[in-house]
Protein backbone atom coordinates (compact mmCIF):
# COMPACT_ATOMS: atom_id res chain seq x y z
CA MET A 1 127.35 98.16 108.43
CA GLN A 2 125.23 100.24 111.14
CA ASP A 3 122.83 97.43 110.88
CA TYR A 4 125.48 94.80 111.62
CA LEU A 5 127.16 97.00 114.30
CA LYS A 6 123.80 96.92 116.26
CA ALA A 7 122.96 93.37 116.12
CA ILE A 8 126.15 92.65 117.53
CA TYR A 9 125.56 95.04 120.30
CA ARG A 10 122.50 93.55 121.01
CA LEU A 11 123.68 90.30 121.41
CA GLN A 12 126.51 91.31 123.75
CA GLU A 13 123.89 93.18 125.85
CA LYS A 14 122.39 90.37 126.25
CA GLY A 15 125.38 88.75 127.67
CA ALA A 16 125.32 86.41 124.62
CA ARG A 17 128.52 85.79 122.24
CA ALA A 18 128.34 87.02 118.74
CA SER A 19 128.46 84.31 116.03
CA THR A 20 127.90 84.44 112.37
CA ARG A 21 125.10 82.27 112.95
CA LYS A 22 123.37 84.65 115.46
CA VAL A 23 124.11 87.57 113.77
CA ALA A 24 122.69 85.90 110.41
CA ALA A 25 119.31 84.76 112.23
CA ALA A 26 118.82 88.61 113.92
CA LEU A 27 119.30 90.06 110.18
CA GLY A 28 117.67 87.78 108.32
CA THR A 29 120.67 87.54 105.83
CA SER A 30 123.18 84.34 105.26
CA GLU A 31 126.04 83.38 107.07
CA ALA A 32 128.00 84.18 104.39
CA ALA A 33 126.96 87.68 104.12
CA VAL A 34 127.62 88.17 107.71
CA SER A 35 131.19 86.75 107.21
CA ARG A 36 131.97 88.86 104.75
CA MET A 37 130.57 92.30 106.39
CA VAL A 38 132.68 91.01 109.43
CA ARG A 39 135.70 91.28 107.88
CA ARG A 40 135.01 94.80 106.81
CA LEU A 41 134.28 95.77 109.85
CA SER A 42 137.32 94.00 111.50
CA ASP A 43 139.40 96.04 108.46
CA ARG A 44 137.96 99.76 110.08
CA GLY A 45 138.75 98.30 113.41
CA LEU A 46 135.02 98.45 114.43
CA VAL A 47 135.04 94.64 115.41
CA SER A 48 137.57 92.49 116.95
CA LEU A 49 138.01 88.87 115.44
CA LYS A 50 138.48 85.94 118.06
CA PRO A 51 139.03 82.65 115.83
CA TYR A 52 136.66 79.51 117.32
CA HIS A 53 135.03 81.94 119.16
CA GLY A 54 133.17 84.52 117.40
CA PHE A 55 133.97 88.42 117.45
CA ALA A 56 133.38 91.14 119.42
CA LEU A 57 132.60 95.00 119.12
CA THR A 58 135.66 97.29 119.91
CA ALA A 59 135.51 100.40 121.57
CA GLU A 60 134.76 102.58 118.38
CA GLY A 61 132.39 99.96 117.14
CA SER A 62 130.56 100.04 120.36
CA SER A 63 130.40 103.74 120.13
CA ALA A 64 128.87 103.97 116.70
CA ALA A 65 126.16 101.01 117.80
CA VAL A 66 125.24 102.80 120.72
CA GLU A 67 124.66 105.79 118.59
CA MET A 68 122.31 104.11 115.88
CA LEU A 69 120.58 102.11 119.16
CA ARG A 70 119.87 105.93 120.76
CA HIS A 71 118.77 106.91 117.06
CA HIS A 72 116.40 103.56 117.04
CA ARG A 73 114.66 103.88 120.06
CA LEU A 74 114.19 107.66 120.40
CA LEU A 75 112.34 107.42 117.05
CA GLU A 76 110.43 104.31 118.46
CA THR A 77 109.35 106.16 121.35
CA TRP A 78 108.58 109.15 118.96
CA LEU A 79 106.40 107.17 117.07
CA HIS A 80 104.56 105.69 119.44
CA ARG A 81 104.31 108.66 121.65
CA THR A 82 103.42 111.43 119.19
CA MET A 83 102.74 109.71 115.69
CA GLY A 84 100.30 107.39 117.04
CA PHE A 85 101.75 104.25 116.00
CA SER A 86 101.11 100.97 117.99
CA TRP A 87 104.28 99.37 119.87
CA ASP A 88 104.21 96.11 117.69
CA GLU A 89 104.57 98.70 114.55
CA VAL A 90 107.42 101.28 115.81
CA HIS A 91 110.61 98.77 115.20
CA GLU A 92 110.16 98.41 111.58
CA GLU A 93 109.83 102.08 111.18
CA ALA A 94 112.55 103.08 112.69
CA GLU A 95 114.89 100.91 111.53
CA ARG A 96 113.96 102.63 107.56
CA LEU A 97 114.20 105.96 109.31
CA GLU A 98 117.46 105.53 112.07
CA HIS A 99 120.09 106.05 109.43
CA HIS A 100 119.18 109.20 107.80
CA ILE A 101 118.56 111.49 111.49
CA SER A 102 121.03 114.39 112.18
CA GLU A 103 122.14 114.56 114.97
CA ARG A 104 120.38 117.95 115.34
CA LEU A 105 117.24 116.28 114.94
CA GLU A 106 118.19 113.68 117.27
CA GLU A 107 118.30 116.08 120.16
CA GLN A 108 115.35 117.53 119.02
CA LEU A 109 113.34 114.74 119.30
CA ALA A 110 114.57 113.96 122.88
CA ALA A 111 113.90 117.29 124.03
CA LEU A 112 110.20 117.01 122.31
CA LEU A 113 109.75 113.79 124.51
CA GLY A 114 111.59 114.88 127.43
CA GLN A 115 114.84 112.77 127.55
CA PRO A 116 113.06 109.52 127.70
CA ARG A 117 114.92 106.85 129.63
CA PHE A 118 112.65 104.11 127.97
CA ASP A 119 111.59 103.03 124.74
CA PRO A 120 107.80 101.74 124.08
CA HIS A 121 109.37 98.05 124.83
CA GLY A 122 111.08 99.05 127.92
CA HIS A 123 114.67 99.04 126.28
CA PRO A 124 116.83 101.91 127.97
CA ILE A 125 117.75 104.50 125.73
CA PRO A 126 121.40 105.47 125.45
CA SER A 127 122.67 109.03 126.80
CA ARG A 128 123.56 111.29 124.63
CA ASP A 129 127.16 111.06 126.18
CA GLY A 130 126.71 107.26 125.13
CA ARG A 131 126.14 105.58 127.97
CA VAL A 132 123.61 102.77 128.53
CA PRO A 133 121.46 101.91 131.60
CA GLY A 134 121.83 98.39 131.97
CA GLN A 135 118.63 96.31 130.90
CA ALA A 136 117.26 95.33 134.36
CA GLY A 137 115.91 91.73 134.96
CA ARG A 138 116.18 88.06 133.44
CA PRO A 139 113.85 86.07 130.64
CA LEU A 140 110.61 84.77 132.44
CA ALA A 141 111.46 81.45 131.40
CA ALA A 142 114.01 81.76 134.10
CA PHE A 143 111.74 82.04 136.79
CA ALA A 144 110.39 79.58 139.30
CA GLU A 145 106.93 78.28 139.74
CA GLY A 146 105.22 80.38 142.63
CA GLU A 147 107.74 83.53 141.93
CA GLN A 148 106.19 87.30 141.14
CA ALA A 149 107.29 89.31 138.77
CA VAL A 150 107.46 93.08 137.40
CA VAL A 151 108.10 92.67 133.52
CA SER A 152 110.70 95.50 132.89
CA CYS A 153 111.35 95.05 129.10
CA VAL A 154 109.82 92.60 125.84
CA ASP A 155 112.29 92.17 122.91
CA ASP A 156 110.67 93.94 119.61
CA VAL A 157 111.45 91.52 117.03
CA CYS A 158 108.05 89.72 116.75
CA PRO A 159 105.08 91.82 115.93
CA ALA A 160 102.86 88.90 116.42
CA LEU A 161 103.82 88.12 120.04
CA LEU A 162 103.42 92.37 120.93
CA ARG A 163 100.37 92.35 119.89
CA ARG A 164 99.01 89.33 121.42
CA LEU A 165 101.28 90.75 124.60
CA GLU A 166 99.14 93.82 124.58
CA ARG A 167 95.85 92.10 124.51
CA ALA A 168 96.86 90.48 127.27
CA ARG A 169 98.22 93.84 128.85
CA ILE A 170 101.58 91.80 129.41
CA LEU A 171 103.60 95.53 129.12
CA PRO A 172 106.39 97.22 131.15
CA GLY A 173 105.38 97.22 134.61
CA CYS A 174 103.05 94.52 134.55
CA ARG A 175 103.17 92.40 137.60
CA VAL A 176 102.68 88.39 137.42
CA ARG A 177 103.43 85.19 138.85
CA ILE A 178 104.59 82.07 137.75
CA LEU A 179 101.36 79.39 137.81
CA ARG A 180 103.34 76.77 136.52
CA ARG A 181 106.44 75.12 134.33
CA ASP A 182 105.61 72.57 132.04
CA PRO A 183 108.01 69.78 130.82
CA ASP A 184 107.92 71.15 126.99
CA GLY A 185 109.43 74.70 128.19
CA THR A 186 105.80 75.89 128.25
CA VAL A 187 105.30 78.54 131.11
CA ALA A 188 101.79 79.79 132.35
CA ILE A 189 101.49 83.14 134.45
CA GLN A 190 98.82 84.65 135.97
CA THR A 191 98.69 88.47 134.76
CA PRO A 192 96.19 91.22 135.69
CA ALA A 193 93.93 90.32 132.94
CA GLY A 194 93.82 86.63 134.01
CA PRO A 195 95.95 83.62 132.89
CA VAL A 196 98.09 83.60 130.12
CA LYS A 197 100.30 80.27 128.80
CA LEU A 198 103.66 81.24 126.84
CA LYS A 199 105.48 79.08 124.53
CA PRO A 200 109.11 78.31 125.25
CA GLY A 201 110.43 80.59 123.16
CA GLU A 202 107.84 83.54 124.01
CA ALA A 203 108.94 83.33 127.84
CA GLU A 204 112.81 83.62 126.17
CA LEU A 205 111.63 87.09 125.00
CA ILE A 206 110.21 88.88 128.07
CA PHE A 207 112.25 90.34 130.72
CA ALA A 208 111.53 90.85 134.28
CA GLN A 209 112.64 91.53 137.91
CA ARG A 210 111.11 89.74 140.95
CA ASP A 211 108.67 91.20 142.86
CA GLU A 212 107.35 90.39 146.32
CA ARG A 213 104.03 91.71 146.29
CA GLU A 214 100.80 89.89 145.45
CA VAL A 215 99.57 89.85 141.89
CA SER A 216 95.94 90.38 140.81
CA ARG A 217 94.14 87.34 140.82
């Protein structure tokens, strides 16, 4: 149930409408399973149904999702900084652990890490009182040729992409320039490590903010 709430929240966080198809894709399950769970969540007052328009979290559902998101992103940060896991490994490990930590352990982790504001992928960590800083930026796929940008965060759903980006040094804080946009949606970018081509789906998973400064050539 917590996984479903978090998946719906992540969709809403990106400005997308939650639907059975999108939630099923995010969780790797069937649309029938999503429909059954959404009815349960609705019965508990955690989700509001909008016929023909998907569904959305209620205030109570959003609060529960944000709490799980805080657990998850704190655990990712701890695994990366303290335990030595790479940024492509922490998501799955945090998924396993996030349901089983107490509020006391959550706060001890936050204190140990110096109250971090962002996880290893650049996503904002909700505060203890449930406030979530806005996720800055837009997908690299939305930038025009010649625009310069600073990478703010990278979606953590694809470990293979994260490994590729790390090799190319495309990490939060990295400055890039859009070199070319091909008709098939491929985006060529200049990075500090050299030019890199991103497939259309990859360019949608990397978020950045416009930057006026020169990028390393």
